[in-house]
Amino acid sequence: MENGETRTLAIQISAELFDELDKYLASHKLKKKAFLTDLIRKALDEVKNTAG
């Protein structure tokens, strides 16, 4: 599905949520990009599987 092209996705979240995310990622030795990309893919797959 990926063709090598990239786009930037930026959002603003509360400082508290940002800190909570950072702590979670650090404790699980995860990178933000990998974590969020996986989260988005899983959500899209779930929507595809429940739609229709």
PDB file of N, CA and C in Angstrom:
ATOM      1  N   MET A   1       0.820  -1.191   0.000  1.00  0.00           N
ATOM      2  CA  MET A   1       0.000   0.000   0.000  1.00  0.00           C
ATOM      3  C   MET A   1       0.865   1.256   0.000  1.00  0.00           C
ATOM      4  N   GLU A   2       1.992   1.215   0.655  1.00  0.00           N
ATOM      5  CA  GLU A   2       2.856   2.389   0.706  1.00  0.00           C
ATOM      6  C   GLU A   2       3.721   2.452  -0.534  1.00  0.00           C
ATOM      7  N   ASN A   3       3.869   3.666  -1.077  1.00  0.00           N
ATOM      8  CA  ASN A   3       4.645   3.822  -2.299  1.00  0.00           C
ATOM      9  C   ASN A   3       5.910   4.647  -2.079  1.00  0.00           C
ATOM     10  N   GLY A   4       6.274   4.906  -0.835  1.00  0.00           N
ATOM     11  CA  GLY A   4       7.472   5.672  -0.556  1.00  0.00           C
ATOM     12  C   GLY A   4       7.219   7.151  -0.331  1.00  0.00           C
ATOM     13  N   GLU A   5       6.087   7.651  -0.802  1.00  0.00           N
ATOM     14  CA  GLU A   5       5.753   9.050  -0.554  1.00  0.00           C
ATOM     15  C   GLU A   5       5.307   9.210   0.885  1.00  0.00           C
ATOM     16  N   THR A   6       5.591  10.359   1.468  1.00  0.00           N
ATOM     17  CA  THR A   6       5.159  10.618   2.838  1.00  0.00           C
ATOM     18  C   THR A   6       4.428  11.950   2.920  1.00  0.00           C
ATOM     19  N   ARG A   7       3.633  12.068   3.929  1.00  0.00           N
ATOM     20  CA  ARG A   7       2.919  13.304   4.253  1.00  0.00           C
ATOM     21  C   ARG A   7       3.078  13.537   5.746  1.00  0.00           C
ATOM     22  N   THR A   8       2.985  14.781   6.139  1.00  0.00           N
ATOM     23  CA  THR A   8       3.088  15.129   7.553  1.00  0.00           C
ATOM     24  C   THR A   8       1.691  15.234   8.150  1.00  0.00           C
ATOM     25  N   LEU A   9       1.528  14.642   9.316  1.00  0.00           N
ATOM     26  CA  LEU A   9       0.286  14.719  10.072  1.00  0.00           C
ATOM     27  C   LEU A   9       0.619  15.378  11.403  1.00  0.00           C
ATOM     28  N   ALA A  10       0.012  16.515  11.677  1.00  0.00           N
ATOM     29  CA  ALA A  10       0.299  17.229  12.921  1.00  0.00           C
ATOM     30  C   ALA A  10      -1.008  17.501  13.660  1.00  0.00           C
ATOM     31  N   ILE A  11      -0.967  17.290  14.964  1.00  0.00           N
ATOM     32  CA  ILE A  11      -2.125  17.585  15.800  1.00  0.00           C
ATOM     33  C   ILE A  11      -1.640  18.261  17.075  1.00  0.00           C
ATOM     34  N   GLN A  12      -2.545  18.949  17.721  1.00  0.00           N
ATOM     35  CA  GLN A  12      -2.241  19.513  19.030  1.00  0.00           C
ATOM     36  C   GLN A  12      -3.009  18.723  20.074  1.00  0.00           C
ATOM     37  N   ILE A  13      -2.308  18.342  21.138  1.00  0.00           N
ATOM     38  CA  ILE A  13      -2.920  17.627  22.247  1.00  0.00           C
ATOM     39  C   ILE A  13      -2.507  18.335  23.540  1.00  0.00           C
ATOM     40  N   SER A  14      -3.193  18.021  24.608  1.00  0.00           N
ATOM     41  CA  SER A  14      -2.861  18.646  25.889  1.00  0.00           C
ATOM     42  C   SER A  14      -1.467  18.220  26.339  1.00  0.00           C
ATOM     43  N   ALA A  15      -0.852  19.052  27.139  1.00  0.00           N
ATOM     44  CA  ALA A  15       0.471  18.743  27.684  1.00  0.00           C
ATOM     45  C   ALA A  15       0.414  17.471  28.520  1.00  0.00           C
ATOM     46  N   GLU A  16      -0.684  17.280  29.233  1.00  0.00           N
ATOM     47  CA  GLU A  16      -0.829  16.093  30.075  1.00  0.00           C
ATOM     48  C   GLU A  16      -0.861  14.817  29.228  1.00  0.00           C
ATOM     49  N   LEU A  17      -1.625  14.849  28.132  1.00  0.00           N
ATOM     50  CA  LEU A  17      -1.697  13.683  27.259  1.00  0.00           C
ATOM     51  C   LEU A  17      -0.348  13.428  26.592  1.00  0.00           C
ATOM     52  N   PHE A  18       0.326  14.487  26.186  1.00  0.00           N
ATOM     53  CA  PHE A  18       1.654  14.362  25.574  1.00  0.00           C
ATOM     54  C   PHE A  18       2.625  13.700  26.543  1.00  0.00           C
ATOM     55  N   ASP A  19       2.622  14.159  27.792  1.00  0.00           N
ATOM     56  CA  ASP A  19       3.520  13.587  28.798  1.00  0.00           C
ATOM     57  C   ASP A  19       3.193  12.123  29.076  1.00  0.00           C
ATOM     58  N   GLU A  20       1.896  11.811  29.129  1.00  0.00           N
ATOM     59  CA  GLU A  20       1.480  10.431  29.358  1.00  0.00           C
ATOM     60  C   GLU A  20       1.931   9.530  28.208  1.00  0.00           C
ATOM     61  N   LEU A  21       1.783  10.027  26.999  1.00  0.00           N
ATOM     62  CA  LEU A  21       2.234   9.281  25.824  1.00  0.00           C
ATOM     63  C   LEU A  21       3.745   9.068  25.868  1.00  0.00           C
ATOM     64  N   ASP A  22       4.485  10.120  26.171  1.00  0.00           N
ATOM     65  CA  ASP A  22       5.949  10.006  26.252  1.00  0.00           C
ATOM     66  C   ASP A  22       6.377   8.964  27.291  1.00  0.00           C
ATOM     67  N   LYS A  23       5.728   8.976  28.438  1.00  0.00           N
ATOM     68  CA  LYS A  23       6.069   8.004  29.484  1.00  0.00           C
ATOM     69  C   LYS A  23       5.768   6.587  29.028  1.00  0.00           C
ATOM     70  N   TYR A  24       4.612   6.402  28.392  1.00  0.00           N
ATOM     71  CA  TYR A  24       4.238   5.074  27.897  1.00  0.00           C
ATOM     72  C   TYR A  24       5.248   4.581  26.861  1.00  0.00           C
ATOM     73  N   LEU A  25       5.567   5.438  25.915  1.00  0.00           N
ATOM     74  CA  LEU A  25       6.497   5.050  24.851  1.00  0.00           C
ATOM     75  C   LEU A  25       7.874   4.727  25.417  1.00  0.00           C
ATOM     76  N   ALA A  26       8.338   5.531  26.354  1.00  0.00           N
ATOM     77  CA  ALA A  26       9.660   5.287  26.961  1.00  0.00           C
ATOM     78  C   ALA A  26       9.666   3.963  27.718  1.00  0.00           C
ATOM     79  N   SER A  27       8.601   3.685  28.463  1.00  0.00           N
ATOM     80  CA  SER A  27       8.567   2.459  29.259  1.00  0.00           C
ATOM     81  C   SER A  27       8.460   1.211  28.388  1.00  0.00           C
ATOM     82  N   HIS A  28       7.948   1.363  27.162  1.00  0.00           N
ATOM     83  CA  HIS A  28       7.822   0.234  26.242  1.00  0.00           C
ATOM     84  C   HIS A  28       8.857   0.289  25.119  1.00  0.00           C
ATOM     85  N   LYS A  29       9.775   1.255  25.223  1.00  0.00           N
ATOM     86  CA  LYS A  29      10.854   1.426  24.236  1.00  0.00           C
ATOM     87  C   LYS A  29      10.308   1.511  22.815  1.00  0.00           C
ATOM     88  N   LEU A  30       9.302   2.372  22.647  1.00  0.00           N
ATOM     89  CA  LEU A  30       8.675   2.584  21.345  1.00  0.00           C
ATOM     90  C   LEU A  30       8.971   3.988  20.838  1.00  0.00           C
ATOM     91  N   LYS A  31       8.924   4.150  19.532  1.00  0.00           N
ATOM     92  CA  LYS A  31       9.077   5.463  18.898  1.00  0.00           C
ATOM     93  C   LYS A  31       7.688   5.998  18.569  1.00  0.00           C
ATOM     94  N   LYS A  32       7.534   7.315  18.671  1.00  0.00           N
ATOM     95  CA  LYS A  32       6.225   7.926  18.395  1.00  0.00           C
ATOM     96  C   LYS A  32       5.715   7.571  17.005  1.00  0.00           C
ATOM     97  N   LYS A  33       6.569   7.715  15.997  1.00  0.00           N
ATOM     98  CA  LYS A  33       6.126   7.467  14.629  1.00  0.00           C
ATOM     99  C   LYS A  33       5.615   6.040  14.462  1.00  0.00           C
ATOM    100  N   ALA A  34       6.363   5.069  14.938  1.00  0.00           N
ATOM    101  CA  ALA A  34       5.955   3.671  14.799  1.00  0.00           C
ATOM    102  C   ALA A  34       4.665   3.397  15.567  1.00  0.00           C
ATOM    103  N   PHE A  35       4.583   3.920  16.786  1.00  0.00           N
ATOM    104  CA  PHE A  35       3.395   3.700  17.617  1.00  0.00           C
ATOM    105  C   PHE A  35       2.152   4.296  16.966  1.00  0.00           C
ATOM    106  N   LEU A  36       2.242   5.544  16.532  1.00  0.00           N
ATOM    107  CA  LEU A  36       1.079   6.213  15.959  1.00  0.00           C
ATOM    108  C   LEU A  36       0.698   5.640  14.600  1.00  0.00           C
ATOM    109  N   THR A  37       1.677   5.255  13.795  1.00  0.00           N
ATOM    110  CA  THR A  37       1.383   4.634  12.510  1.00  0.00           C
ATOM    111  C   THR A  37       0.634   3.322  12.720  1.00  0.00           C
ATOM    112  N   ASP A  38       1.092   2.523  13.665  1.00  0.00           N
ATOM    113  CA  ASP A  38       0.425   1.258  13.974  1.00  0.00           C
ATOM    114  C   ASP A  38      -0.985   1.498  14.508  1.00  0.00           C
ATOM    115  N   LEU A  39      -1.136   2.489  15.365  1.00  0.00           N
ATOM    116  CA  LEU A  39      -2.440   2.830  15.926  1.00  0.00           C
ATOM    117  C   LEU A  39      -3.428   3.223  14.827  1.00  0.00           C
ATOM    118  N   ILE A  40      -2.982   4.045  13.888  1.00  0.00           N
ATOM    119  CA  ILE A  40      -3.841   4.478  12.782  1.00  0.00           C
ATOM    120  C   ILE A  40      -4.204   3.296  11.892  1.00  0.00           C
ATOM    121  N   ARG A  41      -3.223   2.458  11.566  1.00  0.00           N
ATOM    122  CA  ARG A  41      -3.505   1.280  10.729  1.00  0.00           C
ATOM    123  C   ARG A  41      -4.525   0.362  11.386  1.00  0.00           C
ATOM    124  N   LYS A  42      -4.360   0.110  12.681  1.00  0.00           N
ATOM    125  CA  LYS A  42      -5.296  -0.766  13.393  1.00  0.00           C
ATOM    126  C   LYS A  42      -6.701  -0.178  13.400  1.00  0.00           C
ATOM    127  N   ALA A  43      -6.798   1.127  13.621  1.00  0.00           N
ATOM    128  CA  ALA A  43      -8.114   1.780  13.635  1.00  0.00           C
ATOM    129  C   ALA A  43      -8.772   1.707  12.260  1.00  0.00           C
ATOM    130  N   LEU A  44      -8.006   1.936  11.210  1.00  0.00           N
ATOM    131  CA  LEU A  44      -8.566   1.859   9.859  1.00  0.00           C
ATOM    132  C   LEU A  44      -8.988   0.433   9.513  1.00  0.00           C
ATOM    133  N   ASP A  45      -8.183  -0.545   9.903  1.00  0.00           N
ATOM    134  CA  ASP A  45      -8.560  -1.946   9.671  1.00  0.00           C
ATOM    135  C   ASP A  45      -9.844  -2.302  10.411  1.00  0.00           C
ATOM    136  N   GLU A  46      -9.972  -1.817  11.634  1.00  0.00           N
ATOM    137  CA  GLU A  46     -11.175  -2.094  12.421  1.00  0.00           C
ATOM    138  C   GLU A  46     -12.413  -1.497  11.744  1.00  0.00           C
ATOM    139  N   VAL A  47     -12.277  -0.269  11.259  1.00  0.00           N
ATOM    140  CA  VAL A  47     -13.402   0.381  10.576  1.00  0.00           C
ATOM    141  C   VAL A  47     -13.773  -0.382   9.307  1.00  0.00           C
ATOM    142  N   LYS A  48     -12.759  -0.806   8.550  1.00  0.00           N
ATOM    143  CA  LYS A  48     -13.020  -1.560   7.323  1.00  0.00           C
ATOM    144  C   LYS A  48     -13.734  -2.879   7.629  1.00  0.00           C
ATOM    145  N   ASN A  49     -13.324  -3.539   8.708  1.00  0.00           N
ATOM    146  CA  ASN A  49     -13.898  -4.837   9.049  1.00  0.00           C
ATOM    147  C   ASN A  49     -15.300  -4.737   9.628  1.00  0.00           C
ATOM    148  N   THR A  50     -15.664  -3.602  10.185  1.00  0.00           N
ATOM    149  CA  THR A  50     -17.003  -3.455  10.772  1.00  0.00           C
ATOM    150  C   THR A  50     -17.964  -2.742   9.817  1.00  0.00           C
ATOM    151  N   ALA A  51     -17.454  -2.108   8.789  1.00  0.00           N
ATOM    152  CA  ALA A  51     -18.318  -1.407   7.829  1.00  0.00           C
ATOM    153  C   ALA A  51     -18.772  -2.393   6.760  1.00  0.00           C
ATOM    154  N   GLY A  52     -20.050  -2.400   6.551  1.00  0.00           N
ATOM    155  CA  GLY A  52     -20.547  -3.198   5.446  1.00  0.00           C
ATOM    156  C   GLY A  52     -21.074  -4.486   5.845  1.00  0.00           C
TER     157      GLY A  52
END
